[in-house]
């Protein structure tokens, strides 16, 4: 295998994980038409799953695992991938509650359930994970922190990871109804 090919394997692995996530989500549906019946619900689900996939993989890149470096073309490119995955995962996660809130307008659903903590543990875990990511990523990207605080903010990123894994575990959704998707998402979180 050529050096150039080896350098692309890391990015191919990330793309492969995203393809697996999409396919498992599609297989969790009773029929493809279900996706189009409630498009904002579907968008909310897939953005959550893709965001969680990217953020879970991002933790491996942040760990500076030396055996991964050749698959990205060195540490500097691995850190670039880390930054891209973090930003992409964060943007995807931000859209998750927005799409779900839009889906609930005009129905008996409560749009605030997706953005305000409540007595519903499953939803509140997701809300707390979201706010944890917002605070920590905003601090990382938009505030010039001294190194020790920047490093602490990265260390604390494990808290939203645990919260989103618990959210996936408890939420009544495709991840609770379709065991391969559930195991995949929880496995990614566990590796993260």
C-alpha atoms as a PDB file:
ATOM      1  CA  UNK A   1       0.000   0.000   0.000  1.00  0.00           C
ATOM      2  CA  UNK A   2       1.422   3.374  -0.991  1.00  0.00           C
ATOM      3  CA  UNK A   3       2.086   6.147   1.518  1.00  0.00           C
ATOM      4  CA  UNK A   4      -0.550   8.312  -0.197  1.00  0.00           C
ATOM      5  CA  UNK A   5      -3.162   5.573   0.148  1.00  0.00           C
ATOM      6  CA  UNK A   6      -2.258   5.034   3.797  1.00  0.00           C
ATOM      7  CA  UNK A   7      -2.749   8.756   4.468  1.00  0.00           C
ATOM      8  CA  UNK A   8      -6.313   8.543   3.219  1.00  0.00           C
ATOM      9  CA  UNK A   9      -7.361   5.550   5.318  1.00  0.00           C
ATOM     10  CA  UNK A  10      -8.190   7.675   8.356  1.00  0.00           C
ATOM     11  CA  UNK A  11     -10.560   9.865   6.370  1.00  0.00           C
ATOM     12  CA  UNK A  12     -11.997   6.795   4.630  1.00  0.00           C
ATOM     13  CA  UNK A  13     -12.627   5.233   8.049  1.00  0.00           C
ATOM     14  CA  UNK A  14     -14.532   8.323   9.165  1.00  0.00           C
ATOM     15  CA  UNK A  15     -16.589   8.319   5.967  1.00  0.00           C
ATOM     16  CA  UNK A  16     -17.233   4.596   6.436  1.00  0.00           C
ATOM     17  CA  UNK A  17     -18.505   5.149   9.983  1.00  0.00           C
ATOM     18  CA  UNK A  18     -20.894   7.835   8.706  1.00  0.00           C
ATOM     19  CA  UNK A  19     -22.142   5.481   5.977  1.00  0.00           C
ATOM     20  CA  UNK A  20     -22.734   2.737   8.573  1.00  0.00           C
ATOM     21  CA  UNK A  21     -24.666   5.201  10.750  1.00  0.00           C
ATOM     22  CA  UNK A  22     -26.867   6.316   7.839  1.00  0.00           C
ATOM     23  CA  UNK A  23     -27.526   2.741   6.712  1.00  0.00           C
ATOM     24  CA  UNK A  24     -28.415   1.540  10.214  1.00  0.00           C
ATOM     25  CA  UNK A  25     -30.787   4.496  10.602  1.00  0.00           C
ATOM     26  CA  UNK A  26     -32.426   3.658   7.260  1.00  0.00           C
ATOM     27  CA  UNK A  27     -32.737  -0.005   8.284  1.00  0.00           C
ATOM     28  CA  UNK A  28     -34.408   1.072  11.539  1.00  0.00           C
ATOM     29  CA  UNK A  29     -37.375   2.396   9.553  1.00  0.00           C
ATOM     30  CA  UNK A  30     -40.368   0.200   8.786  1.00  0.00           C
ATOM     31  CA  UNK A  31     -40.326   1.597   5.228  1.00  0.00           C
ATOM     32  CA  UNK A  32     -38.439   4.339   3.374  1.00  0.00           C
ATOM     33  CA  UNK A  33     -41.640   6.378   3.091  1.00  0.00           C
ATOM     34  CA  UNK A  34     -41.649   6.922   6.871  1.00  0.00           C
ATOM     35  CA  UNK A  35     -38.715   9.299   6.425  1.00  0.00           C
ATOM     36  CA  UNK A  36     -40.774  11.635   4.221  1.00  0.00           C
ATOM     37  CA  UNK A  37     -43.968  11.593   6.289  1.00  0.00           C
ATOM     38  CA  UNK A  38     -42.333  13.713   8.990  1.00  0.00           C
ATOM     39  CA  UNK A  39     -39.283  15.250   7.304  1.00  0.00           C
ATOM     40  CA  UNK A  40     -38.268  17.460  10.246  1.00  0.00           C
ATOM     41  CA  UNK A  41     -38.395  14.492  12.615  1.00  0.00           C
ATOM     42  CA  UNK A  42     -36.217  12.544  10.174  1.00  0.00           C
ATOM     43  CA  UNK A  43     -33.778  15.449   9.857  1.00  0.00           C
ATOM     44  CA  UNK A  44     -33.651  15.728  13.649  1.00  0.00           C
ATOM     45  CA  UNK A  45     -32.862  12.038  13.969  1.00  0.00           C
ATOM     46  CA  UNK A  46     -30.171  11.834  11.313  1.00  0.00           C
ATOM     47  CA  UNK A  47     -28.420  15.028  12.416  1.00  0.00           C
ATOM     48  CA  UNK A  48     -28.248  13.633  15.953  1.00  0.00           C
ATOM     49  CA  UNK A  49     -26.855  10.307  14.795  1.00  0.00           C
ATOM     50  CA  UNK A  50     -24.293  11.841  12.433  1.00  0.00           C
ATOM     51  CA  UNK A  51     -23.262  14.431  15.019  1.00  0.00           C
ATOM     52  CA  UNK A  52     -22.860  11.758  17.690  1.00  0.00           C
ATOM     53  CA  UNK A  53     -20.824   9.629  15.276  1.00  0.00           C
ATOM     54  CA  UNK A  54     -18.488  12.521  14.430  1.00  0.00           C
ATOM     55  CA  UNK A  55     -18.058  13.584  18.052  1.00  0.00           C
ATOM     56  CA  UNK A  56     -17.399  10.012  19.197  1.00  0.00           C
ATOM     57  CA  UNK A  57     -14.703   9.565  16.565  1.00  0.00           C
ATOM     58  CA  UNK A  58     -13.315  12.974  17.434  1.00  0.00           C
ATOM     59  CA  UNK A  59     -12.387  11.774  20.916  1.00  0.00           C
ATOM     60  CA  UNK A  60     -10.064   9.131  19.438  1.00  0.00           C
ATOM     61  CA  UNK A  61      -8.266  11.759  17.384  1.00  0.00           C
ATOM     62  CA  UNK A  62      -7.930  14.048  20.407  1.00  0.00           C
ATOM     63  CA  UNK A  63      -6.288  11.215  22.361  1.00  0.00           C
ATOM     64  CA  UNK A  64      -3.168  11.487  20.165  1.00  0.00           C
ATOM     65  CA  UNK A  65      -3.015   7.758  19.544  1.00  0.00           C
ATOM     66  CA  UNK A  66       0.274   7.475  17.683  1.00  0.00           C
ATOM     67  CA  UNK A  67      -0.755   4.389  15.716  1.00  0.00           C
ATOM     68  CA  UNK A  68      -3.478   6.490  14.000  1.00  0.00           C
ATOM     69  CA  UNK A  69      -1.117   9.219  12.762  1.00  0.00           C
ATOM     70  CA  UNK A  70       0.036   7.431   9.560  1.00  0.00           C
ATOM     71  CA  UNK A  71      -3.590   6.951   8.500  1.00  0.00           C
ATOM     72  CA  UNK A  72      -4.064  10.719   8.420  1.00  0.00           C
ATOM     73  CA  UNK A  73      -0.646  11.686   7.103  1.00  0.00           C
ATOM     74  CA  UNK A  74       0.873  12.764  10.410  1.00  0.00           C
ATOM     75  CA  UNK A  75      -0.097  14.426  13.660  1.00  0.00           C
ATOM     76  CA  UNK A  76      -0.792  17.832  12.112  1.00  0.00           C
ATOM     77  CA  UNK A  77      -3.301  16.379   9.630  1.00  0.00           C
ATOM     78  CA  UNK A  78      -4.825  14.240  12.366  1.00  0.00           C
ATOM     79  CA  UNK A  79      -5.384  17.410  14.405  1.00  0.00           C
ATOM     80  CA  UNK A  80      -6.934  19.060  11.366  1.00  0.00           C
ATOM     81  CA  UNK A  81      -9.299  16.084  11.103  1.00  0.00           C
ATOM     82  CA  UNK A  82      -9.990  16.442  14.845  1.00  0.00           C
ATOM     83  CA  UNK A  83     -10.966  20.076  14.384  1.00  0.00           C
ATOM     84  CA  UNK A  84     -13.151  19.326  11.342  1.00  0.00           C
ATOM     85  CA  UNK A  85     -14.923  16.454  13.096  1.00  0.00           C
ATOM     86  CA  UNK A  86     -15.499  18.561  16.191  1.00  0.00           C
ATOM     87  CA  UNK A  87     -16.978  21.458  14.251  1.00  0.00           C
ATOM     88  CA  UNK A  88     -19.021  19.200  11.954  1.00  0.00           C
ATOM     89  CA  UNK A  89     -20.326  17.113  14.841  1.00  0.00           C
ATOM     90  CA  UNK A  90     -21.180  20.205  16.854  1.00  0.00           C
ATOM     91  CA  UNK A  91     -23.082  21.838  13.973  1.00  0.00           C
ATOM     92  CA  UNK A  92     -24.967  18.606  13.359  1.00  0.00           C
ATOM     93  CA  UNK A  93     -25.859  18.282  17.049  1.00  0.00           C
ATOM     94  CA  UNK A  94     -27.084  21.903  17.131  1.00  0.00           C
ATOM     95  CA  UNK A  95     -29.561  21.158  14.338  1.00  0.00           C
ATOM     96  CA  UNK A  96     -30.951  18.092  16.143  1.00  0.00           C
ATOM     97  CA  UNK A  97     -33.201  19.928  18.668  1.00  0.00           C
ATOM     98  CA  UNK A  98     -34.048  22.649  16.133  1.00  0.00           C
ATOM     99  CA  UNK A  99     -35.483  20.137  13.659  1.00  0.00           C
ATOM    100  CA  UNK A 100     -37.304  18.262  16.437  1.00  0.00           C
ATOM    101  CA  UNK A 101     -38.804  21.495  17.780  1.00  0.00           C
ATOM    102  CA  UNK A 102     -39.970  22.488  14.287  1.00  0.00           C
ATOM    103  CA  UNK A 103     -41.487  19.005  13.905  1.00  0.00           C
ATOM    104  CA  UNK A 104     -43.488  19.458  17.117  1.00  0.00           C
ATOM    105  CA  UNK A 105     -45.053  22.803  16.103  1.00  0.00           C
ATOM    106  CA  UNK A 106     -48.723  22.424  15.289  1.00  0.00           C
ATOM    107  CA  UNK A 107     -48.973  19.126  17.146  1.00  0.00           C
ATOM    108  CA  UNK A 108     -49.499  18.211  20.759  1.00  0.00           C
ATOM    109  CA  UNK A 109     -45.699  18.017  21.091  1.00  0.00           C
ATOM    110  CA  UNK A 110     -43.884  20.478  23.278  1.00  0.00           C
ATOM    111  CA  UNK A 111     -41.096  22.239  21.369  1.00  0.00           C
ATOM    112  CA  UNK A 112     -39.510  23.370  24.639  1.00  0.00           C
ATOM    113  CA  UNK A 113     -38.845  19.753  25.566  1.00  0.00           C
ATOM    114  CA  UNK A 114     -35.881  19.826  23.167  1.00  0.00           C
ATOM    115  CA  UNK A 115     -34.234  22.970  24.547  1.00  0.00           C
ATOM    116  CA  UNK A 116     -35.279  23.288  28.208  1.00  0.00           C
ATOM    117  CA  UNK A 117     -34.569  20.677  30.888  1.00  0.00           C
ATOM    118  CA  UNK A 118     -37.709  19.077  32.304  1.00  0.00           C
ATOM    119  CA  UNK A 119     -38.790  16.199  34.493  1.00  0.00           C
ATOM    120  CA  UNK A 120     -38.330  13.870  31.502  1.00  0.00           C
ATOM    121  CA  UNK A 121     -34.888  12.377  32.167  1.00  0.00           C
ATOM    122  CA  UNK A 122     -34.270  11.055  28.649  1.00  0.00           C
ATOM    123  CA  UNK A 123     -34.865  14.441  27.024  1.00  0.00           C
ATOM    124  CA  UNK A 124     -33.130  16.414  29.767  1.00  0.00           C
ATOM    125  CA  UNK A 125     -29.956  14.346  29.375  1.00  0.00           C
ATOM    126  CA  UNK A 126     -29.859  15.419  25.729  1.00  0.00           C
ATOM    127  CA  UNK A 127     -30.479  19.055  26.660  1.00  0.00           C
ATOM    128  CA  UNK A 128     -27.668  18.999  29.239  1.00  0.00           C
ATOM    129  CA  UNK A 129     -25.319  17.324  26.741  1.00  0.00           C
ATOM    130  CA  UNK A 130     -26.170  19.989  24.165  1.00  0.00           C
ATOM    131  CA  UNK A 131     -25.530  22.867  26.564  1.00  0.00           C
ATOM    132  CA  UNK A 132     -22.334  21.225  27.774  1.00  0.00           C
ATOM    133  CA  UNK A 133     -21.048  21.041  24.200  1.00  0.00           C
ATOM    134  CA  UNK A 134     -22.154  24.621  23.466  1.00  0.00           C
ATOM    135  CA  UNK A 135     -20.309  26.011  26.486  1.00  0.00           C
ATOM    136  CA  UNK A 136     -17.139  23.953  26.060  1.00  0.00           C
ATOM    137  CA  UNK A 137     -16.852  24.287  22.286  1.00  0.00           C
ATOM    138  CA  UNK A 138     -17.602  28.010  22.396  1.00  0.00           C
ATOM    139  CA  UNK A 139     -14.879  28.416  25.018  1.00  0.00           C
ATOM    140  CA  UNK A 140     -12.484  26.388  22.885  1.00  0.00           C
ATOM    141  CA  UNK A 141     -13.177  28.121  19.577  1.00  0.00           C
ATOM    142  CA  UNK A 142     -14.062  31.697  20.459  1.00  0.00           C
ATOM    143  CA  UNK A 143     -12.182  32.537  23.649  1.00  0.00           C
ATOM    144  CA  UNK A 144      -8.408  32.816  23.796  1.00  0.00           C
ATOM    145  CA  UNK A 145      -7.799  30.645  26.858  1.00  0.00           C
ATOM    146  CA  UNK A 146      -4.494  30.039  28.598  1.00  0.00           C
ATOM    147  CA  UNK A 147      -3.265  26.533  27.779  1.00  0.00           C
ATOM    148  CA  UNK A 148      -4.160  25.021  31.168  1.00  0.00           C
ATOM    149  CA  UNK A 149      -7.789  26.227  30.835  1.00  0.00           C
ATOM    150  CA  UNK A 150      -7.977  25.164  27.198  1.00  0.00           C
ATOM    151  CA  UNK A 151      -6.750  21.692  28.190  1.00  0.00           C
ATOM    152  CA  UNK A 152      -9.285  21.580  31.055  1.00  0.00           C
ATOM    153  CA  UNK A 153     -12.086  22.468  28.612  1.00  0.00           C
ATOM    154  CA  UNK A 154     -11.039  19.520  26.452  1.00  0.00           C
ATOM    155  CA  UNK A 155     -10.890  17.216  29.466  1.00  0.00           C
ATOM    156  CA  UNK A 156     -14.417  18.280  30.459  1.00  0.00           C
ATOM    157  CA  UNK A 157     -15.714  17.295  26.998  1.00  0.00           C
ATOM    158  CA  UNK A 158     -16.079  13.800  28.442  1.00  0.00           C
ATOM    159  CA  UNK A 159     -19.075  14.978  30.480  1.00  0.00           C
ATOM    160  CA  UNK A 160     -21.302  15.808  27.471  1.00  0.00           C
ATOM    161  CA  UNK A 161     -20.151  12.528  25.882  1.00  0.00           C
ATOM    162  CA  UNK A 162     -21.455  10.562  28.880  1.00  0.00           C
ATOM    163  CA  UNK A 163     -24.668  12.616  28.897  1.00  0.00           C
ATOM    164  CA  UNK A 164     -25.353  12.028  25.211  1.00  0.00           C
ATOM    165  CA  UNK A 165     -24.636   8.301  25.602  1.00  0.00           C
ATOM    166  CA  UNK A 166     -27.174   8.196  28.444  1.00  0.00           C
ATOM    167  CA  UNK A 167     -29.604  10.187  26.261  1.00  0.00           C
ATOM    168  CA  UNK A 168     -29.233   7.596  23.495  1.00  0.00           C
ATOM    169  CA  UNK A 169     -29.694   4.801  26.033  1.00  0.00           C
ATOM    170  CA  UNK A 170     -32.917   6.181  27.550  1.00  0.00           C
ATOM    171  CA  UNK A 171     -34.634   8.011  24.684  1.00  0.00           C
ATOM    172  CA  UNK A 172     -37.574   6.181  23.065  1.00  0.00           C
ATOM    173  CA  UNK A 173     -36.500   6.405  19.426  1.00  0.00           C
ATOM    174  CA  UNK A 174     -34.951   4.388  16.626  1.00  0.00           C
ATOM    175  CA  UNK A 175     -31.989   3.668  18.910  1.00  0.00           C
ATOM    176  CA  UNK A 176     -34.287   1.940  21.399  1.00  0.00           C
ATOM    177  CA  UNK A 177     -36.310   0.061  18.780  1.00  0.00           C
ATOM    178  CA  UNK A 178     -33.552  -1.140  16.437  1.00  0.00           C
ATOM    179  CA  UNK A 179     -30.838  -3.004  18.323  1.00  0.00           C
ATOM    180  CA  UNK A 180     -28.064  -2.821  15.657  1.00  0.00           C
ATOM    181  CA  UNK A 181     -28.355   0.995  15.595  1.00  0.00           C
ATOM    182  CA  UNK A 182     -28.439   1.098  19.395  1.00  0.00           C
ATOM    183  CA  UNK A 183     -25.325  -1.057  19.733  1.00  0.00           C
ATOM    184  CA  UNK A 184     -23.494   0.921  17.045  1.00  0.00           C
ATOM    185  CA  UNK A 185     -24.219   4.302  18.638  1.00  0.00           C
ATOM    186  CA  UNK A 186     -23.497   3.158  22.190  1.00  0.00           C
ATOM    187  CA  UNK A 187     -20.364   1.378  20.963  1.00  0.00           C
ATOM    188  CA  UNK A 188     -19.123   4.568  19.323  1.00  0.00           C
ATOM    189  CA  UNK A 189     -19.785   6.489  22.540  1.00  0.00           C
ATOM    190  CA  UNK A 190     -17.989   3.829  24.592  1.00  0.00           C
ATOM    191  CA  UNK A 191     -14.934   3.973  22.339  1.00  0.00           C
ATOM    192  CA  UNK A 192     -15.039   7.780  22.578  1.00  0.00           C
END
